[in-house]
C-alpha atoms as a PDB file:
ATOM      1  CA  MET A   1     135.908  14.230 -43.735  1.00  0.00           C
ATOM      2  CA  HIS A   2     133.009  12.425 -45.100  1.00  0.00           C
ATOM      3  CA  LEU A   3     135.232  10.337 -47.780  1.00  0.00           C
ATOM      4  CA  LEU A   4     137.932   9.526 -44.687  1.00  0.00           C
ATOM      5  CA  LYS A   5     134.536   8.278 -42.808  1.00  0.00           C
ATOM      6  CA  SER A   6     132.968   6.357 -45.925  1.00  0.00           C
ATOM      7  CA  HIS A   7     130.294   8.895 -46.034  1.00  0.00           C
ATOM      8  CA  ASN A   8     130.388   8.716 -49.956  1.00  0.00           C
ATOM      9  CA  LYS A   9     127.372  10.425 -51.162  1.00  0.00           C
ATOM     10  CA  GLU A  10     128.262  13.224 -48.576  1.00  0.00           C
ATOM     11  CA  ALA A  11     131.701  13.467 -50.199  1.00  0.00           C
ATOM     12  CA  ILE A  12     130.475  13.526 -53.753  1.00  0.00           C
ATOM     13  CA  ALA A  13     127.936  16.421 -52.612  1.00  0.00           C
ATOM     14  CA  ALA A  14     130.862  18.508 -51.041  1.00  0.00           C
ATOM     15  CA  PHE A  15     133.822  17.640 -53.551  1.00  0.00           C
ATOM     16  CA  GLU A  16     131.107  18.613 -56.327  1.00  0.00           C
ATOM     17  CA  LYS A  17     130.550  21.884 -54.597  1.00  0.00           C
ATOM     18  CA  VAL A  18     134.399  22.747 -53.869  1.00  0.00           C
ATOM     19  CA  ARG A  19     135.166  21.838 -58.181  1.00  0.00           C
ATOM     20  CA  SER A  20     132.555  24.307 -59.067  1.00  0.00           C
ATOM     21  CA  ASP A  21     134.650  26.746 -56.896  1.00  0.00           C
ATOM     22  CA  VAL A  22     138.394  25.663 -57.592  1.00  0.00           C
ATOM     23  CA  GLY A  23     137.802  23.181 -60.277  1.00  0.00           C
ATOM     24  CA  TYR A  24     141.537  24.030 -61.465  1.00  0.00           C
ATOM     25  CA  ILE A  25     143.058  22.066 -58.714  1.00  0.00           C
ATOM     26  CA  GLY A  26     143.467  18.581 -59.340  1.00  0.00           C
ATOM     27  CA  TYR A  27     143.567  17.087 -55.892  1.00  0.00           C
ATOM     28  CA  VAL A  28     139.705  18.258 -55.686  1.00  0.00           C
ATOM     29  CA  HIS A  29     139.128  16.192 -59.256  1.00  0.00           C
ATOM     30  CA  SER A  30     140.796  13.228 -57.667  1.00  0.00           C
ATOM     31  CA  PHE A  31     139.105  12.918 -54.485  1.00  0.00           C
ATOM     32  CA  LEU A  32     135.569  13.440 -56.721  1.00  0.00           C
ATOM     33  CA  ALA A  33     137.100  10.473 -58.658  1.00  0.00           C
ATOM     34  CA  ALA A  34     137.618   8.409 -55.500  1.00  0.00           C
ATOM     35  CA  ALA A  35     134.084   9.183 -54.339  1.00  0.00           C
ATOM     36  CA  TYR A  36     132.471   8.735 -57.472  1.00  0.00           C
ATOM     37  CA  ALA A  37     134.219   4.979 -57.836  1.00  0.00           C
ATOM     38  CA  LEU A  38     133.666   4.014 -54.244  1.00  0.00           C
ATOM     39  CA  GLU A  39     129.680   4.678 -55.239  1.00  0.00           C
ATOM     40  CA  GLY A  40     129.994   2.469 -58.337  1.00  0.00           C
ATOM     41  CA  GLN A  41     129.815   5.670 -60.363  1.00  0.00           C
ATOM     42  CA  SER A  42     132.449   4.080 -62.411  1.00  0.00           C
ATOM     43  CA  GLU A  43     132.710   6.470 -65.785  1.00  0.00           C
ATOM     44  CA  ARG A  44     132.156   9.675 -63.777  1.00  0.00           C
ATOM     45  CA  ALA A  45     135.217   8.540 -61.695  1.00  0.00           C
ATOM     46  CA  ALA A  46     137.164   7.871 -65.168  1.00  0.00           C
ATOM     47  CA  ALA A  47     136.462  11.201 -65.849  1.00  0.00           C
ATOM     48  CA  GLU A  48     137.174  13.076 -63.020  1.00  0.00           C
ATOM     49  CA  LEU A  49     140.256  10.754 -62.385  1.00  0.00           C
ATOM     50  CA  ALA A  50     141.412  11.913 -66.257  1.00  0.00           C
ATOM     51  CA  GLU A  51     140.951  15.817 -65.470  1.00  0.00           C
ATOM     52  CA  ALA A  52     142.985  15.549 -62.138  1.00  0.00           C
ATOM     53  CA  GLN A  53     145.985  13.874 -63.918  1.00  0.00           C
ATOM     54  CA  ARG A  54     145.619  16.632 -66.766  1.00  0.00           C
ATOM     55  CA  LEU A  55     145.797  19.088 -63.851  1.00  0.00           C
ATOM     56  CA  SER A  56     148.376  17.890 -61.940  1.00  0.00           C
ATOM     57  CA  LYS A  57     151.553  19.796 -62.919  1.00  0.00           C
ATOM     58  CA  ASP A  58     154.194  17.618 -60.873  1.00  0.00           C
ATOM     59  CA  ASN A  59     152.411  14.523 -61.967  1.00  0.00           C
ATOM     60  CA  GLY A  60     151.761  13.622 -58.267  1.00  0.00           C
ATOM     61  CA  LEU A  61     148.459  12.416 -59.570  1.00  0.00           C
ATOM     62  CA  SER A  62     149.946  10.306 -61.941  1.00  0.00           C
ATOM     63  CA  SER A  63     150.117   6.736 -59.949  1.00  0.00           C
ATOM     64  CA  ILE A  64     149.154   4.655 -56.636  1.00  0.00           C
ATOM     65  CA  SER A  65     152.901   5.165 -55.721  1.00  0.00           C
ATOM     66  CA  ARG A  66     153.145   8.901 -56.338  1.00  0.00           C
ATOM     67  CA  VAL A  67     149.912   9.498 -54.212  1.00  0.00           C
ATOM     68  CA  GLU A  68     151.148   7.236 -51.382  1.00  0.00           C
ATOM     69  CA  VAL A  69     154.183   9.410 -51.150  1.00  0.00           C
ATOM     70  CA  GLU A  70     152.856  12.544 -51.022  1.00  0.00           C
ATOM     71  CA  LEU A  71     150.041  11.339 -48.195  1.00  0.00           C
ATOM     72  CA  SER A  72     153.257   9.882 -46.494  1.00  0.00           C
ATOM     73  CA  LYS A  73     154.941  13.764 -46.314  1.00  0.00           C
ATOM     74  CA  ASP A  74     151.490  15.251 -45.800  1.00  0.00           C
ATOM     75  CA  TYR A  75     149.865  12.864 -42.972  1.00  0.00           C
ATOM     76  CA  PRO A  76     152.646  11.239 -41.027  1.00  0.00           C
ATOM     77  CA  THR A  77     150.311   9.561 -38.747  1.00  0.00           C
ATOM     78  CA  GLU A  78     149.637   5.889 -39.538  1.00  0.00           C
ATOM     79  CA  LYS A  79     146.143   5.961 -38.620  1.00  0.00           C
ATOM     80  CA  VAL A  80     145.234   8.621 -40.826  1.00  0.00           C
ATOM     81  CA  ARG A  81     147.499   7.295 -43.466  1.00  0.00           C
ATOM     82  CA  ALA A  82     145.307   3.915 -43.301  1.00  0.00           C
ATOM     83  CA  LEU A  83     142.049   5.846 -43.409  1.00  0.00           C
ATOM     84  CA  PHE A  84     143.124   7.554 -46.707  1.00  0.00           C
ATOM     85  CA  GLU A  85     144.395   4.054 -47.933  1.00  0.00           C
ATOM     86  CA  THR A  86     140.624   2.653 -47.305  1.00  0.00           C
ATOM     87  CA  THR A  87     138.712   5.375 -48.727  1.00  0.00           C
ATOM     88  CA  TYR A  88     141.159   7.714 -51.224  1.00  0.00           C
ATOM     89  CA  VAL A  89     143.461   5.431 -52.448  1.00  0.00           C
ATOM     90  CA  ALA A  90     140.717   2.685 -52.783  1.00  0.00           C
ATOM     91  CA  GLY A  91     138.751   4.404 -54.683  1.00  0.00           C
ATOM     92  CA  LEU A  92     141.665   5.877 -57.253  1.00  0.00           C
ATOM     93  CA  ARG A  93     142.522   2.279 -57.882  1.00  0.00           C
ATOM     94  CA  LYS A  94     138.890   1.656 -58.765  1.00  0.00           C
ATOM     95  CA  ALA A  95     138.772   4.734 -60.654  1.00  0.00           C
ATOM     96  CA  GLY A  96     141.578   3.346 -62.912  1.00  0.00           C
ATOM     97  CA  MET A  97     144.972   4.810 -61.549  1.00  0.00           C
ATOM     98  CA  PRO A  98     148.029   3.026 -62.292  1.00  0.00           C
ATOM     99  CA  GLU A  99     150.129   1.282 -59.483  1.00  0.00           C
ATOM    100  CA  GLN A 100     153.047   2.589 -60.605  1.00  0.00           C
END
């Protein structure tokens, strides 16, 4: 929730804790990449994005278009998807995730 509310510093702290517990899950790294990017920490964001993509077994984190497909499945309401678009997806773009 911190990330969706644009509380990036709090999101980073929370995701770093989760990463230490379940760092083998790609989406944890992708959320951390987005939060780092939104905070202007581009090198850390790029490193977390690379790890997220490496861990993604289904290539669901290979591009913005793939992420948006997954978000539309997991979060069918337009209001929630809009929050993800302005935070998570925007951060992934800043971290260097390609559109396609």
